[in-house]
Amino acid sequence: MTTRRRSAIILVGICLLMISCTSDVLLKRESTVGLNGSFEITDSGYPVNWEFFPNPETNSALQVIVDTTYAVEGNQSIKLVAREIDDVVGIQSQQVQVQSGKTYRISLSVKLSGCSVWVRRATWDADSVPVNSRLAKVADDLRSPGEWQHFEDILTIPERETSIYVGLSVIGSGTVWCDDVRIEEVAE
């Protein structure tokens, strides 16, 4: 199989997983917390308001650890250990409400060992239909192994779109730390 074809298959798999991944996920929800992008608030060892796929309690492909050793913001980060080279594993935020016509900055920091990370952000309309998405490879173990790498995307919300989420997919077996995930309105 060619590298190009394998990359295309992986991208399609990531998109399908992140759009329709509802059966094999773990989600701890807390309505008063918001995004929880520094992963400080947890429930039973998992940061609240984040989906983990596949469910780390029932699938050994993903191990989720709240790590107090490394952090960009606050006292801890989320550590994802991907154990299966052929499985796509990751996390996804809950939807965050946004206003049409406003501009938002989506940012996060990741640190890697042995794998690559893709970030997806998507907006949804009032009927909870995905409308606008972007998928980008943001970090690779070959570029800066063991160092925090920053990702940032600026997006003006189109008319009729009401919410946004951000997700990470880990490609290959390895370890990813993620911290300081933000969705912030940009001042005009």
N, C-alpha and C. Protein backbone atom coordinates (compact mmCIF):
# COMPACT_ATOMS: atom_id res chain seq x y z
N MET A 1 0.85 -1.17 0.00
CA MET A 1 0.00 0.00 0.00
C MET A 1 0.90 1.24 0.00
N THR A 2 0.59 2.20 -0.85
CA THR A 2 1.41 3.40 -0.94
C THR A 2 1.17 4.30 0.27
N THR A 3 2.15 5.14 0.55
CA THR A 3 2.03 6.07 1.67
C THR A 3 0.85 7.01 1.47
N ARG A 4 0.66 7.46 0.24
CA ARG A 4 -0.44 8.39 -0.05
C ARG A 4 -1.80 7.72 0.21
N ARG A 5 -1.94 6.49 -0.25
CA ARG A 5 -3.20 5.77 -0.05
C ARG A 5 -3.44 5.51 1.45
N ARG A 6 -2.40 5.11 2.16
CA ARG A 6 -2.54 4.87 3.61
C ARG A 6 -2.93 6.14 4.34
N SER A 7 -2.32 7.27 3.95
CA SER A 7 -2.67 8.57 4.56
C SER A 7 -4.13 8.91 4.30
N ALA A 8 -4.60 8.67 3.08
CA ALA A 8 -5.99 8.95 2.74
C ALA A 8 -6.94 8.08 3.56
N ILE A 9 -6.60 6.82 3.72
CA ILE A 9 -7.43 5.91 4.53
C ILE A 9 -7.47 6.36 5.98
N ILE A 10 -6.33 6.78 6.51
CA ILE A 10 -6.27 7.26 7.89
C ILE A 10 -7.13 8.50 8.05
N LEU A 11 -7.04 9.46 7.11
CA LEU A 11 -7.83 10.69 7.20
C LEU A 11 -9.33 10.39 7.17
N VAL A 12 -9.74 9.52 6.27
CA VAL A 12 -11.16 9.15 6.21
C VAL A 12 -11.58 8.50 7.52
N GLY A 13 -10.74 7.63 8.06
CA GLY A 13 -11.05 6.98 9.34
C GLY A 13 -11.18 7.98 10.47
N ILE A 14 -10.30 8.97 10.51
CA ILE A 14 -10.36 9.99 11.56
C ILE A 14 -11.67 10.76 11.45
N CYS A 15 -12.01 11.19 10.25
CA CYS A 15 -13.24 11.95 10.06
C CYS A 15 -14.46 11.15 10.47
N LEU A 16 -14.53 9.91 10.02
CA LEU A 16 -15.68 9.07 10.38
C LEU A 16 -15.75 8.83 11.89
N LEU A 17 -14.61 8.57 12.50
CA LEU A 17 -14.59 8.33 13.94
C LEU A 17 -15.07 9.55 14.71
N MET A 18 -14.56 10.71 14.36
CA MET A 18 -14.87 11.90 15.14
C MET A 18 -16.28 12.41 14.88
N ILE A 19 -16.87 12.11 13.73
CA ILE A 19 -18.23 12.55 13.45
C ILE A 19 -19.24 11.59 14.07
N SER A 20 -19.00 10.29 13.92
CA SER A 20 -20.02 9.32 14.30
C SER A 20 -19.66 8.48 15.51
N CYS A 21 -18.61 8.80 16.18
CA CYS A 21 -18.15 7.98 17.29
C CYS A 21 -19.04 8.21 18.51
N THR A 22 -20.07 7.39 18.66
CA THR A 22 -20.97 7.56 19.79
C THR A 22 -21.12 6.29 20.60
N SER A 23 -20.77 5.13 20.05
CA SER A 23 -21.03 3.89 20.77
C SER A 23 -19.88 3.47 21.68
N ASP A 24 -18.66 3.68 21.29
CA ASP A 24 -17.53 3.22 22.08
C ASP A 24 -16.74 4.42 22.62
N VAL A 25 -17.45 5.28 23.37
CA VAL A 25 -16.82 6.46 23.94
C VAL A 25 -17.07 6.51 25.44
N LEU A 26 -16.24 7.29 26.11
CA LEU A 26 -16.44 7.56 27.53
C LEU A 26 -16.58 9.07 27.67
N LEU A 27 -17.62 9.51 28.34
CA LEU A 27 -17.85 10.93 28.55
C LEU A 27 -18.30 11.16 29.98
N LYS A 28 -17.58 12.02 30.69
CA LYS A 28 -17.98 12.46 32.03
C LYS A 28 -18.41 13.91 31.87
N ARG A 29 -19.67 14.20 32.07
CA ARG A 29 -20.22 15.52 31.80
C ARG A 29 -20.49 16.28 33.10
N GLU A 30 -20.19 17.59 33.07
CA GLU A 30 -20.49 18.49 34.19
C GLU A 30 -20.88 19.84 33.59
N SER A 31 -22.16 20.18 33.66
CA SER A 31 -22.69 21.35 32.96
C SER A 31 -22.17 22.68 33.49
N THR A 32 -21.69 22.74 34.71
CA THR A 32 -21.25 24.02 35.28
C THR A 32 -19.78 24.33 35.00
N VAL A 33 -19.06 23.43 34.35
CA VAL A 33 -17.61 23.57 34.21
C VAL A 33 -17.19 24.28 32.93
N GLY A 34 -17.88 24.11 31.83
CA GLY A 34 -17.44 24.67 30.56
C GLY A 34 -16.46 23.74 29.87
N LEU A 35 -15.56 24.30 29.08
CA LEU A 35 -14.64 23.50 28.26
C LEU A 35 -13.69 22.62 29.08
N ASN A 36 -13.19 23.11 30.20
CA ASN A 36 -12.23 22.36 31.03
C ASN A 36 -10.97 22.03 30.23
N GLY A 37 -10.46 23.02 29.50
CA GLY A 37 -9.33 22.83 28.60
C GLY A 37 -7.98 22.67 29.28
N SER A 38 -7.93 22.90 30.59
CA SER A 38 -6.68 22.62 31.30
C SER A 38 -6.79 21.30 32.08
N PHE A 39 -7.92 20.62 31.90
CA PHE A 39 -8.14 19.28 32.43
C PHE A 39 -8.01 19.22 33.96
N GLU A 40 -8.35 20.31 34.63
CA GLU A 40 -8.21 20.39 36.08
C GLU A 40 -9.35 19.71 36.83
N ILE A 41 -10.55 19.66 36.24
CA ILE A 41 -11.71 19.10 36.93
C ILE A 41 -11.96 17.70 36.39
N THR A 42 -11.97 16.73 37.30
CA THR A 42 -12.08 15.32 36.90
C THR A 42 -13.23 14.63 37.63
N ASP A 43 -13.61 13.49 37.10
CA ASP A 43 -14.61 12.61 37.71
C ASP A 43 -14.11 11.19 37.49
N SER A 44 -13.84 10.48 38.56
CA SER A 44 -13.35 9.10 38.51
C SER A 44 -12.08 8.97 37.67
N GLY A 45 -11.20 9.99 37.73
CA GLY A 45 -9.93 9.93 37.04
C GLY A 45 -9.94 10.43 35.60
N TYR A 46 -11.08 10.92 35.12
CA TYR A 46 -11.19 11.43 33.76
C TYR A 46 -11.62 12.90 33.78
N PRO A 47 -11.00 13.74 32.95
CA PRO A 47 -11.44 15.13 32.87
C PRO A 47 -12.89 15.22 32.40
N VAL A 48 -13.68 16.07 33.03
CA VAL A 48 -15.08 16.21 32.63
C VAL A 48 -15.19 17.02 31.34
N ASN A 49 -16.27 16.79 30.63
CA ASN A 49 -16.64 17.47 29.39
C ASN A 49 -15.75 17.13 28.20
N TRP A 50 -15.12 15.99 28.26
CA TRP A 50 -14.31 15.47 27.15
C TRP A 50 -14.73 14.04 26.87
N GLU A 51 -14.89 13.72 25.58
CA GLU A 51 -15.15 12.34 25.15
C GLU A 51 -13.83 11.67 24.85
N PHE A 52 -13.71 10.43 25.22
CA PHE A 52 -12.52 9.63 24.94
C PHE A 52 -12.94 8.47 24.04
N PHE A 53 -12.23 8.28 22.94
CA PHE A 53 -12.57 7.18 22.04
C PHE A 53 -11.31 6.44 21.61
N PRO A 54 -11.38 5.11 21.65
CA PRO A 54 -12.48 4.31 22.18
C PRO A 54 -12.54 4.43 23.71
N ASN A 55 -13.58 3.90 24.28
CA ASN A 55 -13.77 3.97 25.73
C ASN A 55 -12.59 3.28 26.43
N PRO A 56 -11.79 4.05 27.18
CA PRO A 56 -10.60 3.45 27.81
C PRO A 56 -10.93 2.46 28.93
N GLU A 57 -12.17 2.44 29.38
CA GLU A 57 -12.55 1.48 30.42
C GLU A 57 -12.87 0.11 29.83
N THR A 58 -13.15 0.06 28.51
CA THR A 58 -13.52 -1.21 27.88
C THR A 58 -12.62 -1.60 26.72
N ASN A 59 -11.71 -0.71 26.31
CA ASN A 59 -10.87 -0.98 25.16
C ASN A 59 -9.42 -0.64 25.52
N SER A 60 -8.54 -1.60 25.40
CA SER A 60 -7.15 -1.40 25.82
C SER A 60 -6.32 -0.58 24.83
N ALA A 61 -6.90 -0.16 23.71
CA ALA A 61 -6.16 0.63 22.73
C ALA A 61 -5.80 2.02 23.26
N LEU A 62 -6.56 2.51 24.26
CA LEU A 62 -6.34 3.85 24.80
C LEU A 62 -6.28 3.82 26.32
N GLN A 63 -5.25 4.45 26.85
CA GLN A 63 -5.14 4.66 28.30
C GLN A 63 -5.15 6.17 28.53
N VAL A 64 -5.96 6.63 29.47
CA VAL A 64 -6.08 8.05 29.79
C VAL A 64 -5.57 8.27 31.20
N ILE A 65 -4.65 9.24 31.34
CA ILE A 65 -4.05 9.55 32.63
C ILE A 65 -4.08 11.05 32.84
N VAL A 66 -4.54 11.49 33.99
CA VAL A 66 -4.41 12.90 34.36
C VAL A 66 -3.00 13.04 34.93
N ASP A 67 -2.15 13.79 34.23
CA ASP A 67 -0.72 13.86 34.54
C ASP A 67 -0.40 15.15 35.30
N THR A 68 0.15 15.01 36.48
CA THR A 68 0.54 16.17 37.28
C THR A 68 2.02 16.51 37.12
N THR A 69 2.73 15.78 36.25
CA THR A 69 4.15 16.04 36.01
C THR A 69 4.36 17.14 34.99
N TYR A 70 3.57 17.12 33.91
CA TYR A 70 3.72 18.09 32.82
C TYR A 70 2.44 18.90 32.68
N ALA A 71 2.57 20.22 32.56
CA ALA A 71 1.41 21.08 32.34
C ALA A 71 1.86 22.40 31.73
N VAL A 72 1.02 22.94 30.87
CA VAL A 72 1.24 24.27 30.30
C VAL A 72 0.42 25.28 31.08
N GLU A 73 -0.81 24.90 31.42
CA GLU A 73 -1.75 25.76 32.15
C GLU A 73 -2.29 24.96 33.34
N GLY A 74 -2.31 25.56 34.50
CA GLY A 74 -2.82 24.85 35.67
C GLY A 74 -1.80 23.87 36.21
N ASN A 75 -2.31 22.82 36.88
CA ASN A 75 -1.43 21.87 37.57
C ASN A 75 -1.33 20.51 36.90
N GLN A 76 -2.10 20.30 35.82
CA GLN A 76 -2.07 18.98 35.20
C GLN A 76 -2.43 19.07 33.72
N SER A 77 -2.12 18.01 33.01
CA SER A 77 -2.47 17.86 31.60
C SER A 77 -3.14 16.50 31.44
N ILE A 78 -3.62 16.24 30.23
CA ILE A 78 -4.15 14.92 29.95
C ILE A 78 -3.08 14.15 29.16
N LYS A 79 -2.87 12.91 29.55
CA LYS A 79 -1.89 12.05 28.90
C LYS A 79 -2.66 10.91 28.26
N LEU A 80 -2.48 10.75 26.95
CA LEU A 80 -3.14 9.68 26.20
C LEU A 80 -2.07 8.70 25.73
N VAL A 81 -2.24 7.44 26.09
CA VAL A 81 -1.31 6.40 25.66
C VAL A 81 -2.05 5.53 24.65
N ALA A 82 -1.60 5.60 23.39
CA ALA A 82 -2.18 4.80 22.32
C ALA A 82 -1.37 3.52 22.19
N ARG A 83 -2.03 2.39 22.37
CA ARG A 83 -1.31 1.11 22.40
C ARG A 83 -1.38 0.32 21.10
N GLU A 84 -2.31 0.65 20.23
CA GLU A 84 -2.49 -0.11 18.99
C GLU A 84 -2.10 0.77 17.81
N ILE A 85 -1.16 0.31 17.01
CA ILE A 85 -0.66 1.12 15.90
C ILE A 85 -1.71 1.33 14.81
N ASP A 86 -2.65 0.41 14.64
CA ASP A 86 -3.64 0.52 13.58
C ASP A 86 -4.95 1.17 14.01
N ASP A 87 -5.14 1.45 15.29
CA ASP A 87 -6.36 2.08 15.77
C ASP A 87 -6.18 3.58 15.88
N VAL A 88 -7.25 4.33 15.61
CA VAL A 88 -7.26 5.77 15.82
C VAL A 88 -7.92 5.99 17.17
N VAL A 89 -7.21 6.67 18.07
CA VAL A 89 -7.75 6.96 19.39
C VAL A 89 -7.68 8.46 19.61
N GLY A 90 -8.45 8.96 20.57
CA GLY A 90 -8.37 10.39 20.81
C GLY A 90 -9.39 10.91 21.79
N ILE A 91 -9.51 12.25 21.76
CA ILE A 91 -10.43 12.96 22.64
C ILE A 91 -11.17 14.02 21.83
N GLN A 92 -12.32 14.42 22.36
CA GLN A 92 -13.13 15.45 21.71
C GLN A 92 -13.85 16.24 22.79
N SER A 93 -13.83 17.57 22.67
CA SER A 93 -14.52 18.41 23.64
C SER A 93 -16.03 18.34 23.42
N GLN A 94 -16.77 18.76 24.41
CA GLN A 94 -18.19 18.94 24.19
C GLN A 94 -18.35 20.21 23.35
N GLN A 95 -19.54 20.41 22.79
CA GLN A 95 -19.78 21.59 21.98
C GLN A 95 -19.79 22.84 22.85
N VAL A 96 -19.15 23.90 22.34
CA VAL A 96 -19.09 25.20 23.02
C VAL A 96 -19.91 26.17 22.19
N GLN A 97 -20.82 26.90 22.86
CA GLN A 97 -21.68 27.86 22.16
C GLN A 97 -20.87 29.04 21.64
N VAL A 98 -21.14 29.45 20.38
CA VAL A 98 -20.49 30.59 19.74
C VAL A 98 -21.56 31.43 19.04
N GLN A 99 -21.17 32.63 18.59
CA GLN A 99 -22.11 33.52 17.92
C GLN A 99 -21.70 33.71 16.47
N SER A 100 -22.67 33.62 15.56
CA SER A 100 -22.42 33.87 14.14
C SER A 100 -21.83 35.26 13.96
N GLY A 101 -20.86 35.36 13.05
CA GLY A 101 -20.24 36.64 12.74
C GLY A 101 -19.07 37.00 13.64
N LYS A 102 -18.94 36.35 14.77
CA LYS A 102 -17.82 36.61 15.68
C LYS A 102 -16.62 35.75 15.29
N THR A 103 -15.42 36.22 15.65
CA THR A 103 -14.19 35.50 15.34
C THR A 103 -13.65 34.86 16.62
N TYR A 104 -13.20 33.60 16.49
CA TYR A 104 -12.72 32.83 17.63
C TYR A 104 -11.33 32.27 17.35
N ARG A 105 -10.55 32.17 18.41
CA ARG A 105 -9.24 31.53 18.36
C ARG A 105 -9.37 30.17 19.05
N ILE A 106 -8.97 29.13 18.33
CA ILE A 106 -8.92 27.78 18.90
C ILE A 106 -7.44 27.47 19.08
N SER A 107 -7.03 27.14 20.30
CA SER A 107 -5.62 26.88 20.53
C SER A 107 -5.44 25.74 21.53
N LEU A 108 -4.28 25.10 21.45
CA LEU A 108 -3.94 24.03 22.38
C LEU A 108 -2.45 23.75 22.28
N SER A 109 -1.93 23.02 23.25
CA SER A 109 -0.54 22.59 23.26
C SER A 109 -0.48 21.08 23.38
N VAL A 110 0.45 20.46 22.64
CA VAL A 110 0.64 19.02 22.71
C VAL A 110 2.12 18.70 22.81
N LYS A 111 2.40 17.56 23.40
CA LYS A 111 3.75 17.02 23.51
C LYS A 111 3.65 15.54 23.16
N LEU A 112 4.61 15.01 22.40
CA LEU A 112 4.49 13.65 21.87
C LEU A 112 5.68 12.77 22.15
N SER A 113 5.41 11.48 22.07
CA SER A 113 6.46 10.48 22.07
C SER A 113 5.99 9.31 21.21
N GLY A 114 6.57 9.18 20.01
CA GLY A 114 6.33 8.02 19.16
C GLY A 114 5.11 8.03 18.27
N CYS A 115 4.42 9.15 18.09
CA CYS A 115 3.20 9.16 17.29
C CYS A 115 2.99 10.53 16.65
N SER A 116 1.88 10.68 15.96
CA SER A 116 1.48 11.96 15.37
C SER A 116 0.11 12.34 15.92
N VAL A 117 -0.23 13.63 15.84
CA VAL A 117 -1.52 14.12 16.31
C VAL A 117 -2.18 14.97 15.23
N TRP A 118 -3.45 14.71 15.02
CA TRP A 118 -4.28 15.52 14.13
C TRP A 118 -5.30 16.25 14.99
N VAL A 119 -5.57 17.51 14.66
CA VAL A 119 -6.58 18.29 15.37
C VAL A 119 -7.74 18.55 14.41
N ARG A 120 -8.94 18.39 14.91
CA ARG A 120 -10.13 18.70 14.13
C ARG A 120 -10.96 19.68 14.91
N ARG A 121 -11.41 20.71 14.22
CA ARG A 121 -12.39 21.60 14.80
C ARG A 121 -13.59 21.61 13.87
N ALA A 122 -14.77 21.63 14.43
CA ALA A 122 -15.98 21.62 13.62
C ALA A 122 -17.02 22.53 14.24
N THR A 123 -17.79 23.18 13.38
CA THR A 123 -18.91 23.99 13.86
C THR A 123 -20.21 23.27 13.51
N TRP A 124 -21.23 23.58 14.28
CA TRP A 124 -22.53 22.93 14.15
C TRP A 124 -23.61 24.00 14.03
N ASP A 125 -24.70 23.66 13.33
CA ASP A 125 -25.82 24.59 13.26
C ASP A 125 -26.78 24.33 14.42
N ALA A 126 -27.87 25.09 14.46
CA ALA A 126 -28.83 24.98 15.57
C ALA A 126 -29.51 23.62 15.62
N ASP A 127 -29.50 22.88 14.52
CA ASP A 127 -30.10 21.54 14.48
C ASP A 127 -29.09 20.44 14.79
N SER A 128 -27.90 20.82 15.30
CA SER A 128 -26.82 19.89 15.64
C SER A 128 -26.30 19.12 14.43
N VAL A 129 -26.27 19.79 13.29
CA VAL A 129 -25.71 19.22 12.07
C VAL A 129 -24.32 19.82 11.87
N PRO A 130 -23.27 18.99 11.68
CA PRO A 130 -21.94 19.54 11.43
C PRO A 130 -21.93 20.29 10.10
N VAL A 131 -21.36 21.50 10.12
CA VAL A 131 -21.41 22.36 8.95
C VAL A 131 -20.02 22.62 8.38
N ASN A 132 -19.09 22.98 9.22
CA ASN A 132 -17.79 23.46 8.77
C ASN A 132 -16.72 22.77 9.60
N SER A 133 -15.79 22.08 8.96
CA SER A 133 -14.75 21.43 9.76
C SER A 133 -13.39 21.59 9.10
N ARG A 134 -12.39 21.45 9.91
CA ARG A 134 -11.01 21.52 9.44
C ARG A 134 -10.21 20.46 10.17
N LEU A 135 -9.41 19.73 9.43
CA LEU A 135 -8.56 18.69 10.00
C LEU A 135 -7.13 19.03 9.63
N ALA A 136 -6.24 19.05 10.60
CA ALA A 136 -4.85 19.40 10.34
C ALA A 136 -3.91 18.57 11.19
N LYS A 137 -2.84 18.09 10.56
CA LYS A 137 -1.79 17.42 11.31
C LYS A 137 -0.99 18.51 12.00
N VAL A 138 -0.99 18.49 13.32
CA VAL A 138 -0.36 19.60 14.05
C VAL A 138 0.94 19.22 14.72
N ALA A 139 1.15 17.96 14.93
CA ALA A 139 2.37 17.59 15.64
C ALA A 139 2.81 16.21 15.18
N ASP A 140 4.11 16.07 15.16
CA ASP A 140 4.73 14.83 14.71
C ASP A 140 5.95 14.60 15.59
N ASP A 141 6.15 13.39 16.04
CA ASP A 141 7.26 13.08 16.93
C ASP A 141 8.62 13.41 16.30
N LEU A 142 8.68 13.47 14.98
CA LEU A 142 9.95 13.73 14.31
C LEU A 142 10.37 15.20 14.40
N ARG A 143 9.40 16.12 14.52
CA ARG A 143 9.73 17.55 14.53
C ARG A 143 10.33 18.01 15.84
N SER A 144 9.67 17.74 16.94
CA SER A 144 10.12 18.22 18.25
C SER A 144 9.80 17.20 19.32
N PRO A 145 10.47 16.06 19.32
CA PRO A 145 10.11 15.04 20.31
C PRO A 145 10.30 15.55 21.74
N GLY A 146 9.29 15.33 22.56
CA GLY A 146 9.38 15.68 23.98
C GLY A 146 9.20 17.15 24.31
N GLU A 147 8.94 18.00 23.31
CA GLU A 147 8.74 19.42 23.57
C GLU A 147 7.27 19.79 23.33
N TRP A 148 6.76 20.76 24.08
CA TRP A 148 5.41 21.25 23.86
C TRP A 148 5.35 21.96 22.52
N GLN A 149 4.34 21.63 21.72
CA GLN A 149 4.10 22.28 20.44
C GLN A 149 2.73 22.95 20.50
N HIS A 150 2.64 24.19 20.01
CA HIS A 150 1.42 24.98 20.10
C HIS A 150 0.68 24.96 18.77
N PHE A 151 -0.63 24.79 18.82
CA PHE A 151 -1.50 24.86 17.65
C PHE A 151 -2.49 25.99 17.85
N GLU A 152 -2.74 26.74 16.77
CA GLU A 152 -3.72 27.83 16.84
C GLU A 152 -4.43 27.96 15.51
N ASP A 153 -5.73 28.20 15.57
CA ASP A 153 -6.55 28.39 14.37
C ASP A 153 -7.51 29.53 14.66
N ILE A 154 -7.70 30.42 13.69
CA ILE A 154 -8.64 31.54 13.82
C ILE A 154 -9.81 31.25 12.89
N LEU A 155 -11.03 31.43 13.39
CA LEU A 155 -12.22 31.12 12.62
C LEU A 155 -13.30 32.16 12.89
N THR A 156 -13.85 32.73 11.80
CA THR A 156 -15.04 33.58 11.91
C THR A 156 -16.23 32.67 11.69
N ILE A 157 -17.16 32.70 12.62
CA ILE A 157 -18.30 31.78 12.60
C ILE A 157 -19.31 32.24 11.54
N PRO A 158 -19.59 31.39 10.55
CA PRO A 158 -20.58 31.74 9.52
C PRO A 158 -22.00 31.83 10.09
N GLU A 159 -22.87 32.45 9.34
CA GLU A 159 -24.26 32.59 9.74
C GLU A 159 -24.90 31.22 9.95
N ARG A 160 -25.76 31.12 10.92
CA ARG A 160 -26.52 29.92 11.30
C ARG A 160 -25.72 28.89 12.08
N GLU A 161 -24.42 29.10 12.28
CA GLU A 161 -23.64 28.15 13.07
C GLU A 161 -23.62 28.61 14.52
N THR A 162 -23.82 27.67 15.45
CA THR A 162 -24.07 28.03 16.84
C THR A 162 -23.11 27.43 17.86
N SER A 163 -22.34 26.42 17.44
CA SER A 163 -21.43 25.80 18.41
C SER A 163 -20.21 25.24 17.68
N ILE A 164 -19.18 24.98 18.48
CA ILE A 164 -17.91 24.48 17.94
C ILE A 164 -17.35 23.45 18.92
N TYR A 165 -16.59 22.51 18.40
CA TYR A 165 -15.83 21.61 19.26
C TYR A 165 -14.46 21.41 18.68
N VAL A 166 -13.56 20.91 19.51
CA VAL A 166 -12.20 20.60 19.07
C VAL A 166 -11.89 19.17 19.50
N GLY A 167 -11.16 18.46 18.66
CA GLY A 167 -10.80 17.08 18.97
C GLY A 167 -9.38 16.77 18.55
N LEU A 168 -8.79 15.77 19.17
CA LEU A 168 -7.45 15.29 18.82
C LEU A 168 -7.54 13.82 18.49
N SER A 169 -6.85 13.42 17.43
CA SER A 169 -6.72 12.00 17.08
C SER A 169 -5.25 11.65 17.10
N VAL A 170 -4.93 10.53 17.75
CA VAL A 170 -3.56 10.06 17.85
C VAL A 170 -3.37 8.99 16.78
N ILE A 171 -2.32 9.16 15.97
CA ILE A 171 -2.02 8.21 14.90
C ILE A 171 -0.75 7.45 15.28
N GLY A 172 -0.86 6.14 15.34
CA GLY A 172 0.28 5.31 15.71
C GLY A 172 0.31 5.06 17.21
N SER A 173 1.11 4.12 17.62
CA SER A 173 1.24 3.87 19.06
C SER A 173 2.24 4.86 19.63
N GLY A 174 1.94 5.35 20.81
CA GLY A 174 2.80 6.34 21.45
C GLY A 174 2.04 7.08 22.53
N THR A 175 2.61 8.19 22.97
CA THR A 175 2.03 8.96 24.07
C THR A 175 1.89 10.41 23.66
N VAL A 176 0.74 10.99 24.00
CA VAL A 176 0.46 12.40 23.74
C VAL A 176 0.02 13.05 25.04
N TRP A 177 0.61 14.20 25.34
CA TRP A 177 0.12 15.06 26.42
C TRP A 177 -0.57 16.23 25.75
N CYS A 178 -1.69 16.65 26.29
CA CYS A 178 -2.42 17.80 25.76
C CYS A 178 -2.80 18.69 26.93
N ASP A 179 -2.73 20.02 26.70
CA ASP A 179 -3.08 20.96 27.76
C ASP A 179 -3.44 22.31 27.14
N ASP A 180 -4.07 23.13 27.94
CA ASP A 180 -4.37 24.52 27.61
C ASP A 180 -5.20 24.63 26.33
N VAL A 181 -6.27 23.83 26.23
CA VAL A 181 -7.18 23.91 25.09
C VAL A 181 -8.11 25.09 25.33
N ARG A 182 -8.20 25.97 24.33
CA ARG A 182 -9.02 27.17 24.47
C ARG A 182 -9.83 27.42 23.21
N ILE A 183 -11.04 27.92 23.41
CA ILE A 183 -11.88 28.46 22.35
C ILE A 183 -12.29 29.83 22.87
N GLU A 184 -11.67 30.88 22.31
CA GLU A 184 -11.85 32.24 22.84
C GLU A 184 -12.27 33.19 21.75
N GLU A 185 -13.20 34.07 22.08
CA GLU A 185 -13.59 35.11 21.13
C GLU A 185 -12.43 36.10 20.99
N VAL A 186 -12.16 36.48 19.73
CA VAL A 186 -11.09 37.44 19.45
C VAL A 186 -11.70 38.83 19.46
N ALA A 187 -11.11 39.75 20.23
CA ALA A 187 -11.61 41.12 20.31
C ALA A 187 -11.44 41.80 18.96
N GLU A 188 -12.43 42.59 18.60
CA GLU A 188 -12.36 43.32 17.32
C GLU A 188 -11.50 44.55 17.43
